[in-house]
Amino acid sequence: MKAKIKITLKRGVLDPQGKAIQGALGTLGFAGVEDVRQGKYIELDLAHTDAAKAKAEAEAMCQKLLANTVIENYEIEIA
């Protein structure tokens, strides 16, 4: 099974990389970009055949390593 994980900064957490991207887009002539938030996307191929077990394992991975749960949110999709 494939686990698709999207990790983003929580609202209210400063995003200096997002601000740098926003500035660069303006410099390149892309006017009207009011805000940019950047994040991470991770795909894992898991040996599980049970979707619930695969999601539980991906959840544990996010809690222990993949996401900083103090400042980041994450979403898991099992395919």
N, C-alpha and C. Protein backbone atom coordinates (compact mmCIF):
# COMPACT_ATOMS: atom_id res chain seq x y z
N MET A 1 0.84 -1.18 0.00
CA MET A 1 0.00 0.00 0.00
C MET A 1 0.89 1.24 0.00
N LYS A 2 0.34 2.30 -0.55
CA LYS A 2 1.07 3.56 -0.61
C LYS A 2 0.45 4.53 0.37
N ALA A 3 1.29 5.14 1.18
CA ALA A 3 0.85 6.20 2.09
C ALA A 3 1.35 7.52 1.53
N LYS A 4 0.43 8.45 1.33
CA LYS A 4 0.77 9.79 0.84
C LYS A 4 0.57 10.74 2.01
N ILE A 5 1.65 11.43 2.39
CA ILE A 5 1.62 12.27 3.57
C ILE A 5 1.94 13.71 3.19
N LYS A 6 1.04 14.62 3.56
CA LYS A 6 1.23 16.05 3.32
C LYS A 6 1.45 16.72 4.67
N ILE A 7 2.58 17.41 4.81
CA ILE A 7 2.94 18.07 6.07
C ILE A 7 3.00 19.57 5.82
N THR A 8 2.29 20.33 6.64
CA THR A 8 2.27 21.79 6.50
C THR A 8 2.45 22.43 7.87
N LEU A 9 2.92 23.66 7.85
CA LEU A 9 3.05 24.42 9.10
C LEU A 9 1.67 24.79 9.61
N LYS A 10 1.51 24.78 10.91
CA LYS A 10 0.25 25.21 11.51
C LYS A 10 0.06 26.70 11.28
N ARG A 11 -1.20 27.12 11.21
CA ARG A 11 -1.51 28.55 11.09
C ARG A 11 -0.93 29.26 12.30
N GLY A 12 -0.38 30.42 12.06
CA GLY A 12 0.20 31.19 13.15
C GLY A 12 1.70 30.97 13.30
N VAL A 13 2.23 29.91 12.69
CA VAL A 13 3.67 29.65 12.73
C VAL A 13 4.30 30.40 11.56
N LEU A 14 5.32 31.19 11.85
CA LEU A 14 5.99 31.94 10.79
C LEU A 14 6.59 30.99 9.76
N ASP A 15 6.51 31.38 8.49
CA ASP A 15 7.00 30.56 7.38
C ASP A 15 7.99 31.39 6.54
N PRO A 16 9.25 31.49 6.99
CA PRO A 16 10.21 32.32 6.26
C PRO A 16 10.47 31.81 4.84
N GLN A 17 10.44 30.51 4.64
CA GLN A 17 10.65 29.98 3.28
C GLN A 17 9.48 30.37 2.38
N GLY A 18 8.27 30.33 2.92
CA GLY A 18 7.10 30.76 2.15
C GLY A 18 7.21 32.23 1.77
N LYS A 19 7.67 33.06 2.70
CA LYS A 19 7.85 34.49 2.41
C LYS A 19 8.92 34.70 1.34
N ALA A 20 9.99 33.92 1.38
CA ALA A 20 11.05 34.03 0.37
C ALA A 20 10.50 33.64 -1.01
N ILE A 21 9.69 32.60 -1.06
CA ILE A 21 9.07 32.19 -2.33
C ILE A 21 8.14 33.28 -2.84
N GLN A 22 7.35 33.86 -1.94
CA GLN A 22 6.44 34.94 -2.32
C GLN A 22 7.21 36.12 -2.91
N GLY A 23 8.30 36.49 -2.27
CA GLY A 23 9.13 37.59 -2.78
C GLY A 23 9.73 37.28 -4.13
N ALA A 24 10.21 36.06 -4.30
CA ALA A 24 10.80 35.66 -5.58
C ALA A 24 9.76 35.66 -6.69
N LEU A 25 8.55 35.22 -6.39
CA LEU A 25 7.49 35.23 -7.39
C LEU A 25 7.18 36.65 -7.83
N GLY A 26 7.15 37.59 -6.87
CA GLY A 26 6.93 38.99 -7.19
C GLY A 26 8.03 39.54 -8.08
N THR A 27 9.27 39.18 -7.77
CA THR A 27 10.42 39.62 -8.56
C THR A 27 10.34 39.09 -9.99
N LEU A 28 9.78 37.90 -10.15
CA LEU A 28 9.65 37.30 -11.48
C LEU A 28 8.42 37.80 -12.24
N GLY A 29 7.68 38.72 -11.64
CA GLY A 29 6.55 39.33 -12.33
C GLY A 29 5.20 38.71 -12.05
N PHE A 30 5.13 37.80 -11.09
CA PHE A 30 3.86 37.19 -10.72
C PHE A 30 3.20 38.03 -9.63
N ALA A 31 2.49 39.06 -10.06
CA ALA A 31 1.85 39.98 -9.12
C ALA A 31 0.58 39.34 -8.56
N GLY A 32 0.19 39.78 -7.40
CA GLY A 32 -1.07 39.33 -6.82
C GLY A 32 -0.96 38.10 -5.94
N VAL A 33 0.23 37.59 -5.69
CA VAL A 33 0.38 36.46 -4.77
C VAL A 33 0.37 37.04 -3.37
N GLU A 34 -0.72 36.80 -2.64
CA GLU A 34 -0.90 37.43 -1.34
C GLU A 34 -0.24 36.68 -0.20
N ASP A 35 -0.08 35.37 -0.32
CA ASP A 35 0.54 34.59 0.74
C ASP A 35 1.04 33.27 0.17
N VAL A 36 2.13 32.76 0.70
CA VAL A 36 2.67 31.46 0.31
C VAL A 36 3.00 30.70 1.58
N ARG A 37 2.53 29.47 1.67
CA ARG A 37 2.90 28.56 2.76
C ARG A 37 3.50 27.34 2.10
N GLN A 38 4.66 26.93 2.52
CA GLN A 38 5.31 25.77 1.93
C GLN A 38 5.24 24.61 2.90
N GLY A 39 5.40 23.41 2.37
CA GLY A 39 5.34 22.22 3.21
C GLY A 39 6.15 21.08 2.60
N LYS A 40 5.84 19.87 3.05
CA LYS A 40 6.54 18.67 2.58
C LYS A 40 5.51 17.65 2.10
N TYR A 41 5.91 16.84 1.14
CA TYR A 41 5.08 15.75 0.65
C TYR A 41 5.94 14.50 0.65
N ILE A 42 5.45 13.44 1.28
CA ILE A 42 6.21 12.20 1.40
C ILE A 42 5.32 11.05 0.95
N GLU A 43 5.87 10.15 0.11
CA GLU A 43 5.18 8.93 -0.27
C GLU A 43 5.95 7.74 0.27
N LEU A 44 5.22 6.84 0.91
CA LEU A 44 5.83 5.62 1.46
C LEU A 44 5.15 4.41 0.84
N ASP A 45 5.93 3.43 0.41
CA ASP A 45 5.37 2.15 0.00
C ASP A 45 5.46 1.21 1.20
N LEU A 46 4.31 0.79 1.68
CA LEU A 46 4.25 -0.05 2.88
C LEU A 46 3.85 -1.47 2.50
N ALA A 47 4.35 -2.44 3.24
CA ALA A 47 4.09 -3.86 2.95
C ALA A 47 2.70 -4.29 3.38
N HIS A 48 1.99 -3.47 4.15
CA HIS A 48 0.66 -3.85 4.65
C HIS A 48 -0.34 -4.03 3.52
N THR A 49 -1.26 -4.96 3.72
CA THR A 49 -2.39 -5.12 2.79
C THR A 49 -3.67 -4.62 3.42
N ASP A 50 -3.63 -4.30 4.69
CA ASP A 50 -4.78 -3.77 5.42
C ASP A 50 -4.64 -2.25 5.53
N ALA A 51 -5.60 -1.51 4.98
CA ALA A 51 -5.51 -0.04 4.96
C ALA A 51 -5.45 0.56 6.36
N ALA A 52 -6.19 0.01 7.30
CA ALA A 52 -6.20 0.54 8.67
C ALA A 52 -4.83 0.39 9.32
N LYS A 53 -4.20 -0.76 9.11
CA LYS A 53 -2.86 -0.98 9.68
C LYS A 53 -1.84 -0.08 9.02
N ALA A 54 -1.96 0.10 7.70
CA ALA A 54 -1.03 0.97 6.98
C ALA A 54 -1.16 2.41 7.49
N LYS A 55 -2.40 2.87 7.69
CA LYS A 55 -2.61 4.23 8.18
C LYS A 55 -2.08 4.38 9.60
N ALA A 56 -2.29 3.38 10.44
CA ALA A 56 -1.80 3.44 11.81
C ALA A 56 -0.27 3.51 11.84
N GLU A 57 0.38 2.75 10.97
CA GLU A 57 1.83 2.78 10.92
C GLU A 57 2.34 4.13 10.41
N ALA A 58 1.70 4.66 9.38
CA ALA A 58 2.08 5.98 8.86
C ALA A 58 1.86 7.06 9.92
N GLU A 59 0.79 6.93 10.67
CA GLU A 59 0.51 7.87 11.77
C GLU A 59 1.64 7.83 12.80
N ALA A 60 2.07 6.63 13.17
CA ALA A 60 3.17 6.49 14.13
C ALA A 60 4.45 7.09 13.59
N MET A 61 4.70 6.91 12.30
CA MET A 61 5.90 7.48 11.68
C MET A 61 5.87 9.01 11.74
N CYS A 62 4.71 9.58 11.48
CA CYS A 62 4.57 11.04 11.54
C CYS A 62 4.79 11.53 12.96
N GLN A 63 4.21 10.86 13.93
CA GLN A 63 4.33 11.27 15.33
C GLN A 63 5.78 11.18 15.83
N LYS A 64 6.51 10.16 15.37
CA LYS A 64 7.86 9.92 15.89
C LYS A 64 8.98 10.58 15.08
N LEU A 65 8.75 10.81 13.76
CA LEU A 65 9.87 11.28 12.95
C LEU A 65 9.50 12.28 11.87
N LEU A 66 8.50 12.00 11.08
CA LEU A 66 8.28 12.75 9.85
C LEU A 66 7.77 14.17 10.06
N ALA A 67 6.98 14.40 11.10
CA ALA A 67 6.42 15.73 11.35
C ALA A 67 6.82 16.22 12.74
N ASN A 68 7.03 17.51 12.84
CA ASN A 68 7.23 18.15 14.14
C ASN A 68 5.84 18.60 14.58
N THR A 69 5.18 17.79 15.38
CA THR A 69 3.78 18.03 15.71
C THR A 69 3.53 19.28 16.56
N VAL A 70 4.58 19.89 17.05
CA VAL A 70 4.42 21.15 17.78
C VAL A 70 4.08 22.27 16.81
N ILE A 71 4.69 22.27 15.63
CA ILE A 71 4.49 23.36 14.68
C ILE A 71 3.90 22.90 13.34
N GLU A 72 3.72 21.60 13.13
CA GLU A 72 3.25 21.10 11.84
C GLU A 72 1.99 20.24 11.99
N ASN A 73 1.14 20.33 10.98
CA ASN A 73 0.01 19.43 10.81
C ASN A 73 0.36 18.43 9.72
N TYR A 74 -0.33 17.30 9.71
CA TYR A 74 -0.12 16.36 8.62
C TYR A 74 -1.42 15.66 8.27
N GLU A 75 -1.50 15.24 7.01
CA GLU A 75 -2.64 14.50 6.49
C GLU A 75 -2.10 13.24 5.84
N ILE A 76 -2.77 12.12 6.07
CA ILE A 76 -2.34 10.85 5.50
C ILE A 76 -3.44 10.33 4.60
N GLU A 77 -3.05 9.93 3.39
CA GLU A 77 -3.97 9.28 2.46
C GLU A 77 -3.37 7.91 2.13
N ILE A 78 -4.16 6.88 2.26
CA ILE A 78 -3.73 5.51 1.93
C ILE A 78 -4.33 5.14 0.58
N ALA A 79 -3.47 4.72 -0.33
CA ALA A 79 -3.95 4.33 -1.67
C ALA A 79 -3.58 2.90 -1.96
